[in-house]
Amino acid sequence: MKGFLISDNHDTLVLLKLAGIGGVVVHGPAETSRAVESALAMKDVGVLLITEVAAESIPDKVMEIRSKVTLPLLIEIPDRHGSRRGADFLSRYIREAIGVKME
């Protein structure tokens, strides 16, 4: 299985291509949604990487994939400008998902 990137910028795509991960650059929700659908149709993709900015443009689609799709594994990554999430995003995510507060 291989990885595939959906990025909102060219720099992230070039970096991951150097690591052997292919992908596409998208602009806007419609293009991002089409790219996600295409990636989900690829049988050999095990990890679907998506930049945070691209994921923010299709929040309903991201939640649907996380709740219904087992493969590929969807992973949001920061782009060259750094993460858009807060410092406590992982603790908050766990608390929202299973109701346990991590200290």
PDB file of N, CA and C in Angstrom:
ATOM      1  N   MET A   1       0.846  -1.175   0.000  1.00  0.00           N
ATOM      2  CA  MET A   1       0.000   0.000   0.000  1.00  0.00           C
ATOM      3  C   MET A   1       0.890   1.237   0.000  1.00  0.00           C
ATOM      4  N   LYS A   2       0.354   2.285  -0.592  1.00  0.00           N
ATOM      5  CA  LYS A   2       1.140   3.501  -0.699  1.00  0.00           C
ATOM      6  C   LYS A   2       0.362   4.680  -0.148  1.00  0.00           C
ATOM      7  N   GLY A   3       1.067   5.799  -0.048  1.00  0.00           N
ATOM      8  CA  GLY A   3       0.459   7.033   0.407  1.00  0.00           C
ATOM      9  C   GLY A   3       0.117   7.927  -0.770  1.00  0.00           C
ATOM     10  N   PHE A   4      -0.816   8.851  -0.530  1.00  0.00           N
ATOM     11  CA  PHE A   4      -1.224   9.814  -1.538  1.00  0.00           C
ATOM     12  C   PHE A   4      -1.532  11.119  -0.825  1.00  0.00           C
ATOM     13  N   LEU A   5      -1.102  12.241  -1.412  1.00  0.00           N
ATOM     14  CA  LEU A   5      -1.265  13.557  -0.795  1.00  0.00           C
ATOM     15  C   LEU A   5      -2.255  14.411  -1.563  1.00  0.00           C
ATOM     16  N   ILE A   6      -3.131  15.086  -0.818  1.00  0.00           N
ATOM     17  CA  ILE A   6      -3.976  16.135  -1.378  1.00  0.00           C
ATOM     18  C   ILE A   6      -3.557  17.409  -0.659  1.00  0.00           C
ATOM     19  N   SER A   7      -2.982  18.334  -1.430  1.00  0.00           N
ATOM     20  CA  SER A   7      -2.372  19.530  -0.848  1.00  0.00           C
ATOM     21  C   SER A   7      -2.977  20.795  -1.433  1.00  0.00           C
ATOM     22  N   ASP A   8      -2.995  21.829  -0.629  1.00  0.00           N
ATOM     23  CA  ASP A   8      -3.454  23.125  -1.119  1.00  0.00           C
ATOM     24  C   ASP A   8      -2.292  23.963  -1.650  1.00  0.00           C
ATOM     25  N   ASN A   9      -1.058  23.438  -1.552  1.00  0.00           N
ATOM     26  CA  ASN A   9       0.081  24.196  -2.064  1.00  0.00           C
ATOM     27  C   ASN A   9       1.117  23.276  -2.706  1.00  0.00           C
ATOM     28  N   HIS A  10       1.839  23.844  -3.628  1.00  0.00           N
ATOM     29  CA  HIS A  10       2.806  23.094  -4.420  1.00  0.00           C
ATOM     30  C   HIS A  10       4.026  22.652  -3.598  1.00  0.00           C
ATOM     31  N   ASP A  11       4.446  23.458  -2.641  1.00  0.00           N
ATOM     32  CA  ASP A  11       5.651  23.156  -1.861  1.00  0.00           C
ATOM     33  C   ASP A  11       5.517  21.844  -1.088  1.00  0.00           C
ATOM     34  N   THR A  12       4.379  21.621  -0.465  1.00  0.00           N
ATOM     35  CA  THR A  12       4.158  20.387   0.288  1.00  0.00           C
ATOM     36  C   THR A  12       4.165  19.184  -0.641  1.00  0.00           C
ATOM     37  N   LEU A  13       3.566  19.349  -1.816  1.00  0.00           N
ATOM     38  CA  LEU A  13       3.546  18.270  -2.795  1.00  0.00           C
ATOM     39  C   LEU A  13       4.959  17.902  -3.242  1.00  0.00           C
ATOM     40  N   VAL A  14       5.778  18.902  -3.532  1.00  0.00           N
ATOM     41  CA  VAL A  14       7.150  18.645  -3.976  1.00  0.00           C
ATOM     42  C   VAL A  14       7.938  17.917  -2.889  1.00  0.00           C
ATOM     43  N   LEU A  15       7.803  18.346  -1.656  1.00  0.00           N
ATOM     44  CA  LEU A  15       8.518  17.710  -0.547  1.00  0.00           C
ATOM     45  C   LEU A  15       8.141  16.240  -0.413  1.00  0.00           C
ATOM     46  N   LEU A  16       6.856  15.943  -0.461  1.00  0.00           N
ATOM     47  CA  LEU A  16       6.448  14.553  -0.309  1.00  0.00           C
ATOM     48  C   LEU A  16       6.761  13.720  -1.542  1.00  0.00           C
ATOM     49  N   LYS A  17       6.817  14.347  -2.714  1.00  0.00           N
ATOM     50  CA  LYS A  17       7.240  13.607  -3.909  1.00  0.00           C
ATOM     51  C   LYS A  17       8.695  13.167  -3.759  1.00  0.00           C
ATOM     52  N   LEU A  18       9.508  13.997  -3.113  1.00  0.00           N
ATOM     53  CA  LEU A  18      10.898  13.609  -2.854  1.00  0.00           C
ATOM     54  C   LEU A  18      10.981  12.386  -1.950  1.00  0.00           C
ATOM     55  N   ALA A  19       9.962  12.199  -1.119  1.00  0.00           N
ATOM     56  CA  ALA A  19       9.904  11.040  -0.222  1.00  0.00           C
ATOM     57  C   ALA A  19       9.186   9.856  -0.890  1.00  0.00           C
ATOM     58  N   GLY A  20       8.786  10.018  -2.157  1.00  0.00           N
ATOM     59  CA  GLY A  20       8.153   8.923  -2.879  1.00  0.00           C
ATOM     60  C   GLY A  20       6.641   8.865  -2.775  1.00  0.00           C
ATOM     61  N   ILE A  21       6.030   9.946  -2.282  1.00  0.00           N
ATOM     62  CA  ILE A  21       4.572   9.988  -2.130  1.00  0.00           C
ATOM     63  C   ILE A  21       4.003  10.914  -3.198  1.00  0.00           C
ATOM     64  N   GLY A  22       3.132  10.372  -4.031  1.00  0.00           N
ATOM     65  CA  GLY A  22       2.500  11.165  -5.074  1.00  0.00           C
ATOM     66  C   GLY A  22       1.327  11.945  -4.542  1.00  0.00           C
ATOM     67  N   GLY A  23       0.774  12.791  -5.390  1.00  0.00           N
ATOM     68  CA  GLY A  23      -0.381  13.557  -4.955  1.00  0.00           C
ATOM     69  C   GLY A  23      -0.802  14.597  -5.953  1.00  0.00           C
ATOM     70  N   VAL A  24      -1.706  15.466  -5.508  1.00  0.00           N
ATOM     71  CA  VAL A  24      -2.237  16.536  -6.340  1.00  0.00           C
ATOM     72  C   VAL A  24      -2.340  17.819  -5.530  1.00  0.00           C
ATOM     73  N   VAL A  25      -2.341  18.938  -6.252  1.00  0.00           N
ATOM     74  CA  VAL A  25      -2.593  20.244  -5.645  1.00  0.00           C
ATOM     75  C   VAL A  25      -4.014  20.637  -6.002  1.00  0.00           C
ATOM     76  N   VAL A  26      -4.770  21.076  -4.996  1.00  0.00           N
ATOM     77  CA  VAL A  26      -6.167  21.444  -5.203  1.00  0.00           C
ATOM     78  C   VAL A  26      -6.409  22.873  -4.729  1.00  0.00           C
ATOM     79  N   HIS A  27      -7.448  23.473  -5.283  1.00  0.00           N
ATOM     80  CA  HIS A  27      -7.843  24.826  -4.891  1.00  0.00           C
ATOM     81  C   HIS A  27      -9.352  24.853  -4.761  1.00  0.00           C
ATOM     82  N   GLY A  28      -9.838  25.078  -3.568  1.00  0.00           N
ATOM     83  CA  GLY A  28     -11.272  25.180  -3.336  1.00  0.00           C
ATOM     84  C   GLY A  28     -11.921  23.869  -2.952  1.00  0.00           C
ATOM     85  N   PRO A  29     -13.099  23.971  -2.351  1.00  0.00           N
ATOM     86  CA  PRO A  29     -13.807  22.786  -1.863  1.00  0.00           C
ATOM     87  C   PRO A  29     -14.196  21.787  -2.953  1.00  0.00           C
ATOM     88  N   ALA A  30     -14.665  22.263  -4.093  1.00  0.00           N
ATOM     89  CA  ALA A  30     -15.112  21.343  -5.145  1.00  0.00           C
ATOM     90  C   ALA A  30     -13.954  20.502  -5.667  1.00  0.00           C
ATOM     91  N   GLU A  31     -12.837  21.146  -5.934  1.00  0.00           N
ATOM     92  CA  GLU A  31     -11.665  20.433  -6.436  1.00  0.00           C
ATOM     93  C   GLU A  31     -11.116  19.479  -5.379  1.00  0.00           C
ATOM     94  N   THR A  32     -11.125  19.910  -4.127  1.00  0.00           N
ATOM     95  CA  THR A  32     -10.650  19.068  -3.032  1.00  0.00           C
ATOM     96  C   THR A  32     -11.529  17.834  -2.885  1.00  0.00           C
ATOM     97  N   SER A  33     -12.829  18.023  -2.941  1.00  0.00           N
ATOM     98  CA  SER A  33     -13.760  16.903  -2.824  1.00  0.00           C
ATOM     99  C   SER A  33     -13.576  15.901  -3.963  1.00  0.00           C
ATOM    100  N   ARG A  34     -13.392  16.388  -5.181  1.00  0.00           N
ATOM    101  CA  ARG A  34     -13.163  15.488  -6.321  1.00  0.00           C
ATOM    102  C   ARG A  34     -11.862  14.709  -6.144  1.00  0.00           C
ATOM    103  N   ALA A  35     -10.821  15.373  -5.650  1.00  0.00           N
ATOM    104  CA  ALA A  35      -9.536  14.704  -5.443  1.00  0.00           C
ATOM    105  C   ALA A  35      -9.652  13.623  -4.372  1.00  0.00           C
ATOM    106  N   VAL A  36     -10.405  13.893  -3.315  1.00  0.00           N
ATOM    107  CA  VAL A  36     -10.605  12.900  -2.257  1.00  0.00           C
ATOM    108  C   VAL A  36     -11.350  11.691  -2.815  1.00  0.00           C
ATOM    109  N   GLU A  37     -12.393  11.926  -3.576  1.00  0.00           N
ATOM    110  CA  GLU A  37     -13.145  10.823  -4.174  1.00  0.00           C
ATOM    111  C   GLU A  37     -12.251   9.982  -5.080  1.00  0.00           C
ATOM    112  N   SER A  38     -11.407  10.634  -5.871  1.00  0.00           N
ATOM    113  CA  SER A  38     -10.482   9.905  -6.754  1.00  0.00           C
ATOM    114  C   SER A  38      -9.501   9.073  -5.942  1.00  0.00           C
ATOM    115  N   ALA A  39      -8.981   9.652  -4.864  1.00  0.00           N
ATOM    116  CA  ALA A  39      -8.022   8.936  -4.020  1.00  0.00           C
ATOM    117  C   ALA A  39      -8.683   7.744  -3.335  1.00  0.00           C
ATOM    118  N   LEU A  40      -9.931   7.901  -2.894  1.00  0.00           N
ATOM    119  CA  LEU A  40     -10.635   6.798  -2.250  1.00  0.00           C
ATOM    120  C   LEU A  40     -10.895   5.651  -3.223  1.00  0.00           C
ATOM    121  N   ALA A  41     -10.988   5.963  -4.498  1.00  0.00           N
ATOM    122  CA  ALA A  41     -11.222   4.939  -5.515  1.00  0.00           C
ATOM    123  C   ALA A  41      -9.955   4.154  -5.867  1.00  0.00           C
ATOM    124  N   MET A  42      -8.789   4.693  -5.505  1.00  0.00           N
ATOM    125  CA  MET A  42      -7.525   3.999  -5.781  1.00  0.00           C
ATOM    126  C   MET A  42      -7.379   2.843  -4.796  1.00  0.00           C
ATOM    127  N   LYS A  43      -7.268   1.635  -5.292  1.00  0.00           N
ATOM    128  CA  LYS A  43      -7.223   0.445  -4.439  1.00  0.00           C
ATOM    129  C   LYS A  43      -5.892   0.272  -3.700  1.00  0.00           C
ATOM    130  N   ASP A  44      -4.825   0.886  -4.204  1.00  0.00           N
ATOM    131  CA  ASP A  44      -3.512   0.686  -3.588  1.00  0.00           C
ATOM    132  C   ASP A  44      -3.127   1.776  -2.594  1.00  0.00           C
ATOM    133  N   VAL A  45      -4.011   2.740  -2.312  1.00  0.00           N
ATOM    134  CA  VAL A  45      -3.716   3.808  -1.361  1.00  0.00           C
ATOM    135  C   VAL A  45      -4.125   3.358   0.039  1.00  0.00           C
ATOM    136  N   GLY A  46      -3.140   3.311   0.937  1.00  0.00           N
ATOM    137  CA  GLY A  46      -3.399   2.921   2.317  1.00  0.00           C
ATOM    138  C   GLY A  46      -3.421   4.097   3.275  1.00  0.00           C
ATOM    139  N   VAL A  47      -2.724   5.187   2.898  1.00  0.00           N
ATOM    140  CA  VAL A  47      -2.667   6.389   3.723  1.00  0.00           C
ATOM    141  C   VAL A  47      -2.972   7.586   2.828  1.00  0.00           C
ATOM    142  N   LEU A  48      -4.000   8.323   3.183  1.00  0.00           N
ATOM    143  CA  LEU A  48      -4.375   9.525   2.450  1.00  0.00           C
ATOM    144  C   LEU A  48      -3.997  10.727   3.306  1.00  0.00           C
ATOM    145  N   LEU A  49      -2.988  11.451   2.856  1.00  0.00           N
ATOM    146  CA  LEU A  49      -2.540  12.654   3.555  1.00  0.00           C
ATOM    147  C   LEU A  49      -3.259  13.849   2.951  1.00  0.00           C
ATOM    148  N   ILE A  50      -3.705  14.761   3.791  1.00  0.00           N
ATOM    149  CA  ILE A  50      -4.362  15.974   3.313  1.00  0.00           C
ATOM    150  C   ILE A  50      -3.888  17.132   4.175  1.00  0.00           C
ATOM    151  N   THR A  51      -3.542  18.239   3.542  1.00  0.00           N
ATOM    152  CA  THR A  51      -3.083  19.391   4.329  1.00  0.00           C
ATOM    153  C   THR A  51      -4.266  19.950   5.121  1.00  0.00           C
ATOM    154  N   GLU A  52      -3.965  20.584   6.230  1.00  0.00           N
ATOM    155  CA  GLU A  52      -5.012  21.119   7.095  1.00  0.00           C
ATOM    156  C   GLU A  52      -5.901  22.118   6.370  1.00  0.00           C
ATOM    157  N   VAL A  53      -5.310  22.958   5.535  1.00  0.00           N
ATOM    158  CA  VAL A  53      -6.089  23.955   4.803  1.00  0.00           C
ATOM    159  C   VAL A  53      -7.062  23.273   3.843  1.00  0.00           C
ATOM    160  N   ALA A  54      -6.601  22.256   3.126  1.00  0.00           N
ATOM    161  CA  ALA A  54      -7.480  21.528   2.210  1.00  0.00           C
ATOM    162  C   ALA A  54      -8.582  20.821   2.988  1.00  0.00           C
ATOM    163  N   ALA A  55      -8.252  20.222   4.117  1.00  0.00           N
ATOM    164  CA  ALA A  55      -9.250  19.520   4.936  1.00  0.00           C
ATOM    165  C   ALA A  55     -10.291  20.483   5.487  1.00  0.00           C
ATOM    166  N   GLU A  56      -9.871  21.693   5.832  1.00  0.00           N
ATOM    167  CA  GLU A  56     -10.811  22.685   6.356  1.00  0.00           C
ATOM    168  C   GLU A  56     -11.839  23.105   5.314  1.00  0.00           C
ATOM    169  N   SER A  57     -11.517  22.938   4.037  1.00  0.00           N
ATOM    170  CA  SER A  57     -12.461  23.339   2.993  1.00  0.00           C
ATOM    171  C   SER A  57     -13.571  22.308   2.795  1.00  0.00           C
ATOM    172  N   ILE A  58     -13.391  21.080   3.328  1.00  0.00           N
ATOM    173  CA  ILE A  58     -14.415  20.030   3.197  1.00  0.00           C
ATOM    174  C   ILE A  58     -14.619  19.306   4.536  1.00  0.00           C
ATOM    175  N   PRO A  59     -14.999  20.014   5.586  1.00  0.00           N
ATOM    176  CA  PRO A  59     -15.091  19.384   6.913  1.00  0.00           C
ATOM    177  C   PRO A  59     -16.083  18.229   6.987  1.00  0.00           C
ATOM    178  N   ASP A  60     -17.216  18.335   6.302  1.00  0.00           N
ATOM    179  CA  ASP A  60     -18.210  17.254   6.344  1.00  0.00           C
ATOM    180  C   ASP A  60     -17.666  15.987   5.702  1.00  0.00           C
ATOM    181  N   LYS A  61     -16.947  16.131   4.607  1.00  0.00           N
ATOM    182  CA  LYS A  61     -16.362  14.992   3.901  1.00  0.00           C
ATOM    183  C   LYS A  61     -15.303  14.318   4.777  1.00  0.00           C
ATOM    184  N   VAL A  62     -14.490  15.114   5.456  1.00  0.00           N
ATOM    185  CA  VAL A  62     -13.447  14.583   6.340  1.00  0.00           C
ATOM    186  C   VAL A  62     -14.082  13.774   7.471  1.00  0.00           C
ATOM    187  N   MET A  63     -15.127  14.305   8.078  1.00  0.00           N
ATOM    188  CA  MET A  63     -15.799  13.587   9.168  1.00  0.00           C
ATOM    189  C   MET A  63     -16.449  12.300   8.655  1.00  0.00           C
ATOM    190  N   GLU A  64     -17.016  12.337   7.468  1.00  0.00           N
ATOM    191  CA  GLU A  64     -17.631  11.150   6.887  1.00  0.00           C
ATOM    192  C   GLU A  64     -16.586  10.058   6.655  1.00  0.00           C
ATOM    193  N   ILE A  65     -15.440  10.435   6.126  1.00  0.00           N
ATOM    194  CA  ILE A  65     -14.370   9.458   5.876  1.00  0.00           C
ATOM    195  C   ILE A  65     -13.884   8.864   7.186  1.00  0.00           C
ATOM    196  N   ARG A  66     -13.682   9.709   8.172  1.00  0.00           N
ATOM    197  CA  ARG A  66     -13.190   9.218   9.468  1.00  0.00           C
ATOM    198  C   ARG A  66     -14.173   8.285  10.149  1.00  0.00           C
ATOM    199  N   SER A  67     -15.458   8.502   9.942  1.00  0.00           N
ATOM    200  CA  SER A  67     -16.441   7.672  10.631  1.00  0.00           C
ATOM    201  C   SER A  67     -16.840   6.418   9.853  1.00  0.00           C
ATOM    202  N   LYS A  68     -16.675   6.411   8.521  1.00  0.00           N
ATOM    203  CA  LYS A  68     -17.177   5.291   7.729  1.00  0.00           C
ATOM    204  C   LYS A  68     -16.121   4.502   6.978  1.00  0.00           C
ATOM    205  N   VAL A  69     -14.993   5.104   6.667  1.00  0.00           N
ATOM    206  CA  VAL A  69     -14.002   4.452   5.808  1.00  0.00           C
ATOM    207  C   VAL A  69     -12.868   3.881   6.654  1.00  0.00           C
ATOM    208  N   THR A  70     -12.549   2.609   6.438  1.00  0.00           N
ATOM    209  CA  THR A  70     -11.445   2.004   7.189  1.00  0.00           C
ATOM    210  C   THR A  70     -10.111   2.206   6.477  1.00  0.00           C
ATOM    211  N   LEU A  71     -10.107   2.088   5.167  1.00  0.00           N
ATOM    212  CA  LEU A  71      -8.904   2.349   4.371  1.00  0.00           C
ATOM    213  C   LEU A  71      -9.286   3.221   3.190  1.00  0.00           C
ATOM    214  N   PRO A  72      -8.528   4.198   2.885  1.00  0.00           N
ATOM    215  CA  PRO A  72      -7.246   4.563   3.466  1.00  0.00           C
ATOM    216  C   PRO A  72      -7.410   5.336   4.775  1.00  0.00           C
ATOM    217  N   LEU A  73      -6.356   5.310   5.545  1.00  0.00           N
ATOM    218  CA  LEU A  73      -6.292   6.081   6.774  1.00  0.00           C
ATOM    219  C   LEU A  73      -6.109   7.542   6.398  1.00  0.00           C
ATOM    220  N   LEU A  74      -6.982   8.419   6.879  1.00  0.00           N
ATOM    221  CA  LEU A  74      -6.919   9.849   6.557  1.00  0.00           C
ATOM    222  C   LEU A  74      -6.111  10.577   7.625  1.00  0.00           C
ATOM    223  N   ILE A  75      -5.075  11.280   7.188  1.00  0.00           N
ATOM    224  CA  ILE A  75      -4.212  12.014   8.112  1.00  0.00           C
ATOM    225  C   ILE A  75      -4.086  13.457   7.652  1.00  0.00           C
ATOM    226  N   GLU A  76      -4.448  14.384   8.535  1.00  0.00           N
ATOM    227  CA  GLU A  76      -4.269  15.808   8.244  1.00  0.00           C
ATOM    228  C   GLU A  76      -2.852  16.200   8.653  1.00  0.00           C
ATOM    229  N   ILE A  77      -2.171  16.919   7.758  1.00  0.00           N
ATOM    230  CA  ILE A  77      -0.809  17.353   8.044  1.00  0.00           C
ATOM    231  C   ILE A  77      -0.706  18.868   7.892  1.00  0.00           C
ATOM    232  N   PRO A  78       0.193  19.492   8.646  1.00  0.00           N
ATOM    233  CA  PRO A  78       0.414  20.927   8.451  1.00  0.00           C
ATOM    234  C   PRO A  78       1.170  21.163   7.147  1.00  0.00           C
ATOM    235  N   ASP A  79       1.062  22.373   6.624  1.00  0.00           N
ATOM    236  CA  ASP A  79       1.836  22.705   5.435  1.00  0.00           C
ATOM    237  C   ASP A  79       3.100  23.450   5.847  1.00  0.00           C
ATOM    238  N   ARG A  80       3.746  24.099   4.915  1.00  0.00           N
ATOM    239  CA  ARG A  80       5.023  24.760   5.209  1.00  0.00           C
ATOM    240  C   ARG A  80       4.886  25.930   6.183  1.00  0.00           C
ATOM    241  N   HIS A  81       3.666  26.399   6.408  1.00  0.00           N
ATOM    242  CA  HIS A  81       3.449  27.509   7.332  1.00  0.00           C
ATOM    243  C   HIS A  81       3.225  27.036   8.764  1.00  0.00           C
ATOM    244  N   GLY A  82       3.207  25.738   8.975  1.00  0.00           N
ATOM    245  CA  GLY A  82       3.011  25.192  10.307  1.00  0.00           C
ATOM    246  C   GLY A  82       1.562  24.815  10.554  1.00  0.00           C
ATOM    247  N   SER A  83       1.313  24.277  11.719  1.00  0.00           N
ATOM    248  CA  SER A  83      -0.013  23.782  12.060  1.00  0.00           C
ATOM    249  C   SER A  83      -0.988  24.912  12.342  1.00  0.00           C
ATOM    250  N   ARG A  84      -2.223  24.728  11.922  1.00  0.00           N
ATOM    251  CA  ARG A  84      -3.281  25.692  12.183  1.00  0.00           C
ATOM    252  C   ARG A  84      -4.056  25.316  13.446  1.00  0.00           C
ATOM    253  N   ARG A  85      -3.740  24.165  14.021  1.00  0.00           N
ATOM    254  CA  ARG A  85      -4.427  23.693  15.214  1.00  0.00           C
ATOM    255  C   ARG A  85      -3.754  24.270  16.452  1.00  0.00           C
ATOM    256  N   GLY A  86      -4.508  24.297  17.531  1.00  0.00           N
ATOM    257  CA  GLY A  86      -3.965  24.772  18.793  1.00  0.00           C
ATOM    258  C   GLY A  86      -3.009  23.773  19.400  1.00  0.00           C
ATOM    259  N   ALA A  87      -2.293  24.205  20.410  1.00  0.00           N
ATOM    260  CA  ALA A  87      -1.297  23.348  21.048  1.00  0.00           C
ATOM    261  C   ALA A  87      -1.933  22.132  21.727  1.00  0.00           C
ATOM    262  N   ASP A  88      -3.190  22.250  22.125  1.00  0.00           N
ATOM    263  CA  ASP A  88      -3.857  21.158  22.837  1.00  0.00           C
ATOM    264  C   ASP A  88      -4.778  20.335  21.940  1.00  0.00           C
ATOM    265  N   PHE A  89      -4.563  20.362  20.622  1.00  0.00           N
ATOM    266  CA  PHE A  89      -5.506  19.724  19.708  1.00  0.00           C
ATOM    267  C   PHE A  89      -5.652  18.230  19.956  1.00  0.00           C
ATOM    268  N   LEU A  90      -4.588  17.535  20.325  1.00  0.00           N
ATOM    269  CA  LEU A  90      -4.683  16.093  20.522  1.00  0.00           C
ATOM    270  C   LEU A  90      -5.498  15.767  21.777  1.00  0.00           C
ATOM    271  N   SER A  91      -5.255  16.462  22.862  1.00  0.00           N
ATOM    272  CA  SER A  91      -6.022  16.255  24.094  1.00  0.00           C
ATOM    273  C   SER A  91      -7.495  16.573  23.867  1.00  0.00           C
ATOM    274  N   ARG A  92      -7.767  17.654  23.151  1.00  0.00           N
ATOM    275  CA  ARG A  92      -9.141  18.053  22.852  1.00  0.00           C
ATOM    276  C   ARG A  92      -9.824  17.011  21.959  1.00  0.00           C
ATOM    277  N   TYR A  93      -9.094  16.482  20.996  1.00  0.00           N
ATOM    278  CA  TYR A  93      -9.633  15.468  20.088  1.00  0.00           C
ATOM    279  C   TYR A  93     -10.022  14.203  20.863  1.00  0.00           C
ATOM    280  N   ILE A  94      -9.156  13.766  21.773  1.00  0.00           N
ATOM    281  CA  ILE A  94      -9.442  12.585  22.590  1.00  0.00           C
ATOM    282  C   ILE A  94     -10.656  12.843  23.477  1.00  0.00           C
ATOM    283  N   ARG A  95     -10.712  14.020  24.081  1.00  0.00           N
ATOM    284  CA  ARG A  95     -11.831  14.358  24.956  1.00  0.00           C
ATOM    285  C   ARG A  95     -13.151  14.357  24.180  1.00  0.00           C
ATOM    286  N   GLU A  96     -13.144  14.921  22.967  1.00  0.00           N
ATOM    287  CA  GLU A  96     -14.357  14.961  22.154  1.00  0.00           C
ATOM    288  C   GLU A  96     -14.733  13.560  21.643  1.00  0.00           C
ATOM    289  N   ALA A  97     -13.742  12.741  21.323  1.00  0.00           N
ATOM    290  CA  ALA A  97     -14.014  11.432  20.742  1.00  0.00           C
ATOM    291  C   ALA A  97     -14.522  10.416  21.760  1.00  0.00           C
ATOM    292  N   ILE A  98     -13.861  10.369  22.931  1.00  0.00           N
ATOM    293  CA  ILE A  98     -14.246   9.331  23.891  1.00  0.00           C
ATOM    294  C   ILE A  98     -14.658   9.869  25.253  1.00  0.00           C
ATOM    295  N   GLY A  99     -14.622  11.179  25.433  1.00  0.00           N
ATOM    296  CA  GLY A  99     -15.098  11.762  26.678  1.00  0.00           C
ATOM    297  C   GLY A  99     -14.144  11.663  27.844  1.00  0.00           C
ATOM    298  N   VAL A 100     -12.861  11.447  27.576  1.00  0.00           N
ATOM    299  CA  VAL A 100     -11.874  11.339  28.635  1.00  0.00           C
ATOM    300  C   VAL A 100     -10.956  12.543  28.582  1.00  0.00           C
ATOM    301  N   LYS A 101     -10.789  13.216  29.729  1.00  0.00           N
ATOM    302  CA  LYS A 101      -9.911  14.379  29.782  1.00  0.00           C
ATOM    303  C   LYS A 101      -8.492  13.908  30.106  1.00  0.00           C
ATOM    304  N   MET A 102      -7.555  14.241  29.237  1.00  0.00           N
ATOM    305  CA  MET A 102      -6.154  13.868  29.422  1.00  0.00           C
ATOM    306  C   MET A 102      -5.430  15.008  30.144  1.00  0.00           C
ATOM    307  N   GLU A 103      -4.738  14.690  31.189  1.00  0.00           N
ATOM    308  CA  GLU A 103      -3.982  15.703  31.960  1.00  0.00           C
ATOM    309  C   GLU A 103      -2.517  15.575  31.685  1.00  0.00           C
TER     310      GLU A 103
END
